[in-house]
Amino acid sequence: MVRLLAIGLGLFALWLLLSGLFKPLLIGLGIVSTLATLAIAQRMGLFKKANNDTQHSFVGFILYLGWLAVEIAKSNWSVTRIILAKTITLQQTLFDVPTSQKTDLGKVLFANSIILTPATITVETENKTFLVHALTEEAADLDALAEMDRRITTIEYDKGDA
């Protein structure tokens, strides 16, 4: 119950932050929206504790976000060079990227991290591989994606290790 209340307060705070308006009607709509979201999530079973032995490191996640920001900036520079070139030479490719995450959250984080780096997009997810589309061969760098995979996997740890 405490977890549900904390998530509800977080959602409502996000509502206030994003709306930026503190009129009674909007605050009321924010409360109704938050309660509806919590009811739907509760009905979907999203607040049940998972029966796996894997947790995620908050500090590791924050360090990963910093690393990802740098990678996004480098990738943006690469895409900018492609766009501003006199002749655009795209070498589009589809390739499989192996994944090593143990949890659905880890896999979602990895798939979305691939999408956040420009010139690549996760097309399909399988159990142990993702199908990725890249605009150029430079963007289809398996070593860089393996490093991203490794960094996300280090965020996950077994409860026995903590």
C-alpha atoms as a PDB file:
ATOM      1  CA  MET A   1       0.000   0.000   0.000  1.00  0.00           C
ATOM      2  CA  VAL A   2       2.875   2.349   0.789  1.00  0.00           C
ATOM      3  CA  ARG A   3       4.354   1.623  -2.628  1.00  0.00           C
ATOM      4  CA  LEU A   4       1.033   2.431  -4.319  1.00  0.00           C
ATOM      5  CA  LEU A   5       0.779   5.707  -2.392  1.00  0.00           C
ATOM      6  CA  ALA A   6       4.376   6.675  -3.283  1.00  0.00           C
ATOM      7  CA  ILE A   7       3.787   5.975  -6.981  1.00  0.00           C
ATOM      8  CA  GLY A   8       0.526   7.931  -6.854  1.00  0.00           C
ATOM      9  CA  LEU A   9       2.227  10.935  -5.275  1.00  0.00           C
ATOM     10  CA  GLY A  10       5.014  10.711  -7.850  1.00  0.00           C
ATOM     11  CA  LEU A  11       2.529  10.619 -10.715  1.00  0.00           C
ATOM     12  CA  PHE A  12       0.615  13.580  -9.320  1.00  0.00           C
ATOM     13  CA  ALA A  13       3.842  15.550  -8.807  1.00  0.00           C
ATOM     14  CA  LEU A  14       4.768  14.800 -12.421  1.00  0.00           C
ATOM     15  CA  TRP A  15       1.312  16.004 -13.500  1.00  0.00           C
ATOM     16  CA  LEU A  16       1.819  19.288 -11.644  1.00  0.00           C
ATOM     17  CA  LEU A  17       5.343  19.708 -12.985  1.00  0.00           C
ATOM     18  CA  LEU A  18       4.318  19.134 -16.595  1.00  0.00           C
ATOM     19  CA  SER A  19       1.140  21.219 -16.466  1.00  0.00           C
ATOM     20  CA  GLY A  20       2.694  24.169 -14.621  1.00  0.00           C
ATOM     21  CA  LEU A  21      -0.789  25.429 -13.783  1.00  0.00           C
ATOM     22  CA  PHE A  22      -2.268  25.376 -10.302  1.00  0.00           C
ATOM     23  CA  LYS A  23      -5.919  26.130 -10.991  1.00  0.00           C
ATOM     24  CA  PRO A  24      -8.427  24.088  -8.967  1.00  0.00           C
ATOM     25  CA  LEU A  25      -9.960  22.468 -12.057  1.00  0.00           C
ATOM     26  CA  LEU A  26      -6.591  21.294 -13.365  1.00  0.00           C
ATOM     27  CA  ILE A  27      -5.496  20.032  -9.954  1.00  0.00           C
ATOM     28  CA  GLY A  28      -8.780  18.114  -9.718  1.00  0.00           C
ATOM     29  CA  LEU A  29      -8.254  16.637 -13.174  1.00  0.00           C
ATOM     30  CA  GLY A  30      -4.726  15.695 -12.161  1.00  0.00           C
ATOM     31  CA  ILE A  31      -6.024  13.844  -9.105  1.00  0.00           C
ATOM     32  CA  VAL A  32      -8.667  12.037 -11.172  1.00  0.00           C
ATOM     33  CA  SER A  33      -6.087  11.145 -13.834  1.00  0.00           C
ATOM     34  CA  THR A  34      -3.645   9.850 -11.228  1.00  0.00           C
ATOM     35  CA  LEU A  35      -6.318   7.734  -9.521  1.00  0.00           C
ATOM     36  CA  ALA A  36      -7.488   6.319 -12.859  1.00  0.00           C
ATOM     37  CA  THR A  37      -3.914   5.454 -13.818  1.00  0.00           C
ATOM     38  CA  LEU A  38      -3.316   3.742 -10.470  1.00  0.00           C
ATOM     39  CA  ALA A  39      -6.590   1.791 -10.777  1.00  0.00           C
ATOM     40  CA  ILE A  40      -5.704   0.567 -14.271  1.00  0.00           C
ATOM     41  CA  ALA A  41      -2.162  -0.353 -13.222  1.00  0.00           C
ATOM     42  CA  GLN A  42      -3.474  -2.172 -10.134  1.00  0.00           C
ATOM     43  CA  ARG A  43      -5.974  -4.119 -12.236  1.00  0.00           C
ATOM     44  CA  MET A  44      -3.163  -5.058 -14.661  1.00  0.00           C
ATOM     45  CA  GLY A  45      -1.185  -6.444 -11.718  1.00  0.00           C
ATOM     46  CA  LEU A  46       1.729  -4.052 -12.155  1.00  0.00           C
ATOM     47  CA  PHE A  47       2.187  -3.558  -8.418  1.00  0.00           C
ATOM     48  CA  LYS A  48       2.647  -7.229  -7.572  1.00  0.00           C
ATOM     49  CA  LYS A  49       6.136  -8.106  -6.486  1.00  0.00           C
ATOM     50  CA  ALA A  50       8.056 -10.142  -9.045  1.00  0.00           C
ATOM     51  CA  ASN A  51       9.253 -13.559  -7.948  1.00  0.00           C
ATOM     52  CA  ASN A  52      12.708 -13.245  -9.434  1.00  0.00           C
ATOM     53  CA  ASP A  53      15.959 -12.654  -7.598  1.00  0.00           C
ATOM     54  CA  THR A  54      17.104  -9.681  -9.663  1.00  0.00           C
ATOM     55  CA  GLN A  55      17.091  -6.053  -8.589  1.00  0.00           C
ATOM     56  CA  HIS A  56      18.405  -2.914 -10.247  1.00  0.00           C
ATOM     57  CA  SER A  57      21.088  -0.563  -8.991  1.00  0.00           C
ATOM     58  CA  PHE A  58      19.963   3.063  -8.795  1.00  0.00           C
ATOM     59  CA  VAL A  59      23.531   4.391  -8.726  1.00  0.00           C
ATOM     60  CA  GLY A  60      24.433   2.163 -11.687  1.00  0.00           C
ATOM     61  CA  PHE A  61      21.414   3.506 -13.549  1.00  0.00           C
ATOM     62  CA  ILE A  62      22.448   7.131 -12.936  1.00  0.00           C
ATOM     63  CA  LEU A  63      26.004   6.369 -14.132  1.00  0.00           C
ATOM     64  CA  TYR A  64      24.547   4.648 -17.196  1.00  0.00           C
ATOM     65  CA  LEU A  65      22.409   7.703 -18.011  1.00  0.00           C
ATOM     66  CA  GLY A  66      25.543   9.878 -18.008  1.00  0.00           C
ATOM     67  CA  TRP A  67      27.341   7.471 -20.328  1.00  0.00           C
ATOM     68  CA  LEU A  68      24.264   7.274 -22.572  1.00  0.00           C
ATOM     69  CA  ALA A  69      24.068  11.075 -22.820  1.00  0.00           C
ATOM     70  CA  VAL A  70      27.640  11.160 -24.140  1.00  0.00           C
ATOM     71  CA  GLU A  71      26.874   8.375 -26.639  1.00  0.00           C
ATOM     72  CA  ILE A  72      23.763  10.200 -27.849  1.00  0.00           C
ATOM     73  CA  ALA A  73      25.784  13.383 -28.361  1.00  0.00           C
ATOM     74  CA  LYS A  74      28.419  11.497 -30.386  1.00  0.00           C
ATOM     75  CA  SER A  75      25.744   9.785 -32.445  1.00  0.00           C
ATOM     76  CA  ASN A  76      23.934  13.082 -33.053  1.00  0.00           C
ATOM     77  CA  TRP A  77      27.175  14.552 -34.381  1.00  0.00           C
ATOM     78  CA  SER A  78      27.545  11.589 -36.730  1.00  0.00           C
ATOM     79  CA  VAL A  79      23.994  11.972 -38.068  1.00  0.00           C
ATOM     80  CA  THR A  80      24.494  15.730 -38.456  1.00  0.00           C
ATOM     81  CA  ARG A  81      27.565  15.092 -40.607  1.00  0.00           C
ATOM     82  CA  ILE A  82      25.522  12.711 -42.788  1.00  0.00           C
ATOM     83  CA  ILE A  83      22.728  15.251 -43.218  1.00  0.00           C
ATOM     84  CA  LEU A  84      25.031  18.176 -43.996  1.00  0.00           C
ATOM     85  CA  ALA A  85      27.229  16.241 -46.426  1.00  0.00           C
ATOM     86  CA  LYS A  86      27.047  17.275 -50.074  1.00  0.00           C
ATOM     87  CA  THR A  87      26.106  13.744 -51.069  1.00  0.00           C
ATOM     88  CA  ILE A  88      24.247  11.529 -48.669  1.00  0.00           C
ATOM     89  CA  THR A  89      25.522   7.981 -48.784  1.00  0.00           C
ATOM     90  CA  LEU A  90      23.397   5.748 -46.622  1.00  0.00           C
ATOM     91  CA  GLN A  91      24.318   2.123 -46.143  1.00  0.00           C
ATOM     92  CA  GLN A  92      21.236   0.882 -44.358  1.00  0.00           C
ATOM     93  CA  THR A  93      21.491  -2.470 -42.705  1.00  0.00           C
ATOM     94  CA  LEU A  94      19.552  -4.831 -40.460  1.00  0.00           C
ATOM     95  CA  PHE A  95      21.501  -6.902 -37.964  1.00  0.00           C
ATOM     96  CA  ASP A  96      20.987  -8.963 -34.812  1.00  0.00           C
ATOM     97  CA  VAL A  97      22.280  -7.745 -31.470  1.00  0.00           C
ATOM     98  CA  PRO A  98      22.629 -10.310 -28.668  1.00  0.00           C
ATOM     99  CA  THR A  99      21.224  -9.321 -25.267  1.00  0.00           C
ATOM    100  CA  SER A 100      22.255 -10.464 -21.814  1.00  0.00           C
ATOM    101  CA  GLN A 101      19.646  -8.810 -19.585  1.00  0.00           C
ATOM    102  CA  LYS A 102      17.797 -11.006 -17.098  1.00  0.00           C
ATOM    103  CA  THR A 103      14.701  -8.865 -16.567  1.00  0.00           C
ATOM    104  CA  ASP A 104      12.084  -7.317 -18.807  1.00  0.00           C
ATOM    105  CA  LEU A 105      13.031  -3.895 -17.446  1.00  0.00           C
ATOM    106  CA  GLY A 106      16.648  -4.450 -18.481  1.00  0.00           C
ATOM    107  CA  LYS A 107      15.583  -5.520 -21.977  1.00  0.00           C
ATOM    108  CA  VAL A 108      13.279  -2.511 -22.346  1.00  0.00           C
ATOM    109  CA  LEU A 109      16.071  -0.216 -21.191  1.00  0.00           C
ATOM    110  CA  PHE A 110      18.457  -1.732 -23.736  1.00  0.00           C
ATOM    111  CA  ALA A 111      15.958  -1.582 -26.624  1.00  0.00           C
ATOM    112  CA  ASN A 112      15.087   2.034 -25.848  1.00  0.00           C
ATOM    113  CA  SER A 113      18.744   2.984 -25.430  1.00  0.00           C
ATOM    114  CA  ILE A 114      19.380   1.697 -28.942  1.00  0.00           C
ATOM    115  CA  ILE A 115      16.494   3.842 -30.198  1.00  0.00           C
ATOM    116  CA  LEU A 116      17.816   6.920 -28.378  1.00  0.00           C
ATOM    117  CA  THR A 117      21.081   6.824 -30.271  1.00  0.00           C
ATOM    118  CA  PRO A 118      20.358   8.400 -33.664  1.00  0.00           C
ATOM    119  CA  ALA A 119      20.735   6.335 -36.831  1.00  0.00           C
ATOM    120  CA  THR A 120      19.630   3.130 -35.071  1.00  0.00           C
ATOM    121  CA  ILE A 121      16.264   1.715 -34.118  1.00  0.00           C
ATOM    122  CA  THR A 122      15.195  -1.536 -32.502  1.00  0.00           C
ATOM    123  CA  VAL A 123      12.830  -3.202 -34.970  1.00  0.00           C
ATOM    124  CA  GLU A 124      12.060  -6.482 -33.248  1.00  0.00           C
ATOM    125  CA  THR A 125      12.796  -8.067 -29.894  1.00  0.00           C
ATOM    126  CA  GLU A 126      13.262 -11.757 -29.362  1.00  0.00           C
ATOM    127  CA  ASN A 127      14.223 -13.578 -26.184  1.00  0.00           C
ATOM    128  CA  LYS A 128      18.007 -13.240 -26.530  1.00  0.00           C
ATOM    129  CA  THR A 129      18.451 -10.947 -29.569  1.00  0.00           C
ATOM    130  CA  PHE A 130      17.171  -7.677 -30.947  1.00  0.00           C
ATOM    131  CA  LEU A 131      16.826  -6.915 -34.642  1.00  0.00           C
ATOM    132  CA  VAL A 132      18.280  -3.430 -35.180  1.00  0.00           C
ATOM    133  CA  HIS A 133      18.136  -1.133 -38.217  1.00  0.00           C
ATOM    134  CA  ALA A 134      21.035   1.271 -38.809  1.00  0.00           C
ATOM    135  CA  LEU A 135      21.361   4.065 -41.379  1.00  0.00           C
ATOM    136  CA  THR A 136      25.089   3.561 -41.835  1.00  0.00           C
ATOM    137  CA  GLU A 137      27.688   0.894 -41.239  1.00  0.00           C
ATOM    138  CA  GLU A 138      29.271   3.219 -38.676  1.00  0.00           C
ATOM    139  CA  ALA A 139      26.020   3.183 -36.672  1.00  0.00           C
ATOM    140  CA  ALA A 140      25.910  -0.625 -36.933  1.00  0.00           C
ATOM    141  CA  ASP A 141      28.836  -0.930 -34.535  1.00  0.00           C
ATOM    142  CA  LEU A 142      28.359  -4.241 -32.711  1.00  0.00           C
ATOM    143  CA  ASP A 143      31.181  -3.440 -30.288  1.00  0.00           C
ATOM    144  CA  ALA A 144      29.479  -0.219 -29.174  1.00  0.00           C
ATOM    145  CA  LEU A 145      26.148  -2.012 -28.788  1.00  0.00           C
ATOM    146  CA  ALA A 146      27.866  -4.807 -26.845  1.00  0.00           C
ATOM    147  CA  GLU A 147      29.295  -2.142 -24.515  1.00  0.00           C
ATOM    148  CA  MET A 148      25.795  -0.683 -24.075  1.00  0.00           C
ATOM    149  CA  ASP A 149      24.453  -4.176 -23.357  1.00  0.00           C
ATOM    150  CA  ARG A 150      27.208  -4.792 -20.799  1.00  0.00           C
ATOM    151  CA  ARG A 151      26.565  -1.500 -19.017  1.00  0.00           C
ATOM    152  CA  ILE A 152      22.834  -2.187 -18.742  1.00  0.00           C
ATOM    153  CA  THR A 153      23.458  -5.716 -17.514  1.00  0.00           C
ATOM    154  CA  THR A 154      25.711  -4.368 -14.732  1.00  0.00           C
ATOM    155  CA  ILE A 155      22.757  -2.321 -13.465  1.00  0.00           C
ATOM    156  CA  GLU A 156      20.995  -5.620 -12.753  1.00  0.00           C
ATOM    157  CA  TYR A 157      22.279  -7.640  -9.838  1.00  0.00           C
ATOM    158  CA  ASP A 158      21.161 -10.696  -7.885  1.00  0.00           C
ATOM    159  CA  LYS A 159      19.742 -10.154  -4.386  1.00  0.00           C
ATOM    160  CA  GLY A 160      22.362 -12.563  -3.118  1.00  0.00           C
ATOM    161  CA  ASP A 161      25.104 -10.208  -4.360  1.00  0.00           C
ATOM    162  CA  ALA A 162      23.716  -7.174  -2.500  1.00  0.00           C
END
